[in-house]
Protein backbone atom coordinates (compact mmCIF):
# COMPACT_ATOMS: atom_id res chain seq x y z
CA MET A 1 78.22 151.64 93.59
CA LYS A 2 77.26 152.20 97.24
CA ARG A 3 74.60 149.49 96.91
CA LEU A 4 77.11 147.04 95.47
CA PHE A 5 79.53 147.78 98.31
CA ALA A 6 76.75 147.28 100.88
CA ALA A 7 75.77 143.93 99.35
CA LEU A 8 79.39 142.82 99.27
CA SER A 9 79.84 143.88 102.88
CA LEU A 10 76.98 141.61 103.92
CA LEU A 11 78.50 138.69 102.06
CA LEU A 12 81.93 139.35 103.49
CA CYS A 13 80.87 139.19 107.13
CA ALA A 14 81.42 135.43 107.04
CA ALA A 15 84.68 135.66 105.12
CA SER A 16 86.37 138.51 107.05
CA PRO A 17 88.79 139.45 104.25
CA SER A 18 91.31 142.24 104.64
CA THR A 19 90.35 143.92 101.35
CA THR A 20 87.28 144.37 99.20
CA PRO A 21 87.15 141.56 96.61
CA ASN A 22 87.29 142.06 92.87
CA VAL A 23 83.96 141.73 91.06
CA PHE A 24 83.89 139.81 87.78
CA THR A 25 81.02 139.80 85.25
CA GLU A 26 80.20 138.31 81.85
CA ALA A 27 82.44 141.02 80.39
CA THR A 28 85.38 139.70 82.46
CA PRO A 29 85.22 135.89 82.21
CA SER A 30 88.92 135.38 82.99
CA ILE A 31 89.59 135.56 86.72
CA ALA A 32 93.11 135.71 88.17
CA VAL A 33 93.48 135.63 91.97
CA HIS A 34 95.96 134.49 94.60
CA VAL A 35 95.38 131.83 97.25
CA GLY A 36 93.51 133.47 100.12
CA GLN A 37 91.85 136.16 98.00
CA THR A 38 88.10 136.50 97.82
CA PHE A 39 86.29 137.37 94.60
CA VAL A 40 82.74 137.95 93.45
CA ILE A 41 80.95 136.93 90.27
CA GLY A 42 78.04 139.25 89.46
CA LEU A 43 75.40 138.17 86.93
CA VAL A 44 72.46 140.22 85.67
CA SER A 45 69.23 138.58 86.79
CA SER A 46 65.45 139.12 86.70
CA PRO A 47 63.99 136.72 89.28
CA SER A 48 60.49 138.14 88.82
CA THR A 49 60.47 136.38 85.42
CA GLY A 50 61.14 133.01 87.08
CA TYR A 51 64.69 132.79 85.76
CA SER A 52 67.66 132.26 88.04
CA TRP A 53 71.31 131.30 87.75
CA ARG A 54 72.53 127.80 88.60
CA MET A 55 76.21 127.18 89.24
CA SER A 56 78.23 124.14 88.20
CA GLY A 57 81.89 123.39 87.75
CA GLU A 58 84.98 122.49 89.70
CA LEU A 59 83.73 123.75 93.02
CA THR A 60 85.08 122.03 96.08
CA GLN A 61 85.59 123.72 99.41
CA ALA A 62 89.27 122.65 99.32
CA LYS A 63 89.97 124.47 96.02
CA LEU A 64 87.43 127.26 95.55
CA GLY A 65 85.43 127.93 98.65
CA PHE A 66 81.87 129.07 97.94
CA LEU A 67 80.96 131.58 100.66
CA GLY A 68 77.43 132.49 99.64
CA THR A 69 75.17 134.42 97.35
CA SER A 70 73.17 137.62 97.53
CA TYR A 71 70.83 139.55 95.26
CA LEU A 72 71.37 143.23 94.50
CA ALA A 73 67.94 144.65 93.59
CA PRO A 74 67.58 147.01 90.63
CA THR A 75 67.59 150.74 91.24
CA ALA A 76 64.89 151.31 88.60
CA ALA A 77 61.33 151.13 89.89
CA ARG A 78 60.09 149.17 86.87
CA VAL A 79 58.34 145.84 87.02
CA GLY A 80 60.72 143.12 85.84
CA ALA A 81 63.82 145.35 86.03
CA SER A 82 67.06 143.41 86.26
CA GLY A 83 69.21 143.25 89.36
CA THR A 84 72.44 141.35 89.99
CA GLU A 85 73.04 137.97 91.58
CA LEU A 86 76.34 137.99 93.48
CA TYR A 87 78.37 134.83 94.16
CA LEU A 88 81.23 135.10 96.67
CA PHE A 89 84.23 132.75 96.59
CA THR A 90 87.61 132.41 98.23
CA ALA A 91 90.60 130.90 96.43
CA LYS A 92 92.02 128.12 98.58
CA GLN A 93 94.34 126.10 96.35
CA ALA A 94 96.51 127.07 93.39
CA GLY A 95 95.30 125.76 90.05
CA THR A 96 93.03 126.47 87.10
CA TYR A 97 89.29 125.95 87.51
CA THR A 98 86.12 126.42 85.49
CA LEU A 99 82.85 127.75 86.86
CA THR A 100 79.75 127.64 84.67
CA PHE A 101 76.48 129.43 85.35
CA SER A 102 73.24 128.60 83.54
CA TYR A 103 70.24 130.95 83.45
CA SER A 104 66.95 129.05 83.36
CA ARG A 105 63.63 128.44 85.05
CA PRO A 106 64.23 125.62 87.58
CA TRP A 107 60.83 123.98 87.05
CA GLU A 108 61.23 123.65 83.27
CA SER A 109 62.89 120.25 82.97
CA GLY A 110 64.32 119.33 79.61
CA VAL A 111 64.43 122.97 78.46
CA PRO A 112 67.93 124.31 77.71
CA ALA A 113 69.19 127.36 79.58
CA VAL A 114 68.53 130.66 77.83
CA LYS A 115 72.07 131.74 78.70
CA THR A 116 75.25 130.07 79.87
CA VAL A 117 78.35 131.90 81.12
CA THR A 118 81.69 130.24 81.83
CA PHE A 119 84.47 131.72 83.94
CA ALA A 120 88.07 130.53 83.85
CA VAL A 121 89.59 130.94 87.32
CA ALA A 122 93.39 130.93 87.66
CA VAL A 123 94.56 130.74 91.26
CA THR A 124 98.25 131.37 91.93
CA PRO A 125 100.16 130.88 95.19
CA ALA A 126 99.81 133.65 97.76
CA LYS A 127 102.21 136.57 97.46
């Protein structure tokens, strides 16, 4: 948990939020935030295998601001152990958006992703 907080702190330097953002994973694909809130999507990843996540969806800086990404290395000292890719966003405009992440090897053209995860993001007006 300390490692996750440290990784989030590095990402948040650019955002300067007043609170620590919520972290959403494959187990929590429905995201509900208010305008002005930051949030993080964390996806299990093993970059040593050549696989990485690619993001697509309704991402515009006016609606959902993408603030950056970071990699949280695994704590296990095993070759090929999985870590977590972190994607930081800020909600800028009320609405419902879809973010899709595909897990594949970037150089393998024409090969479908081995995994696809979709997040539904509901942004409501600020409190």
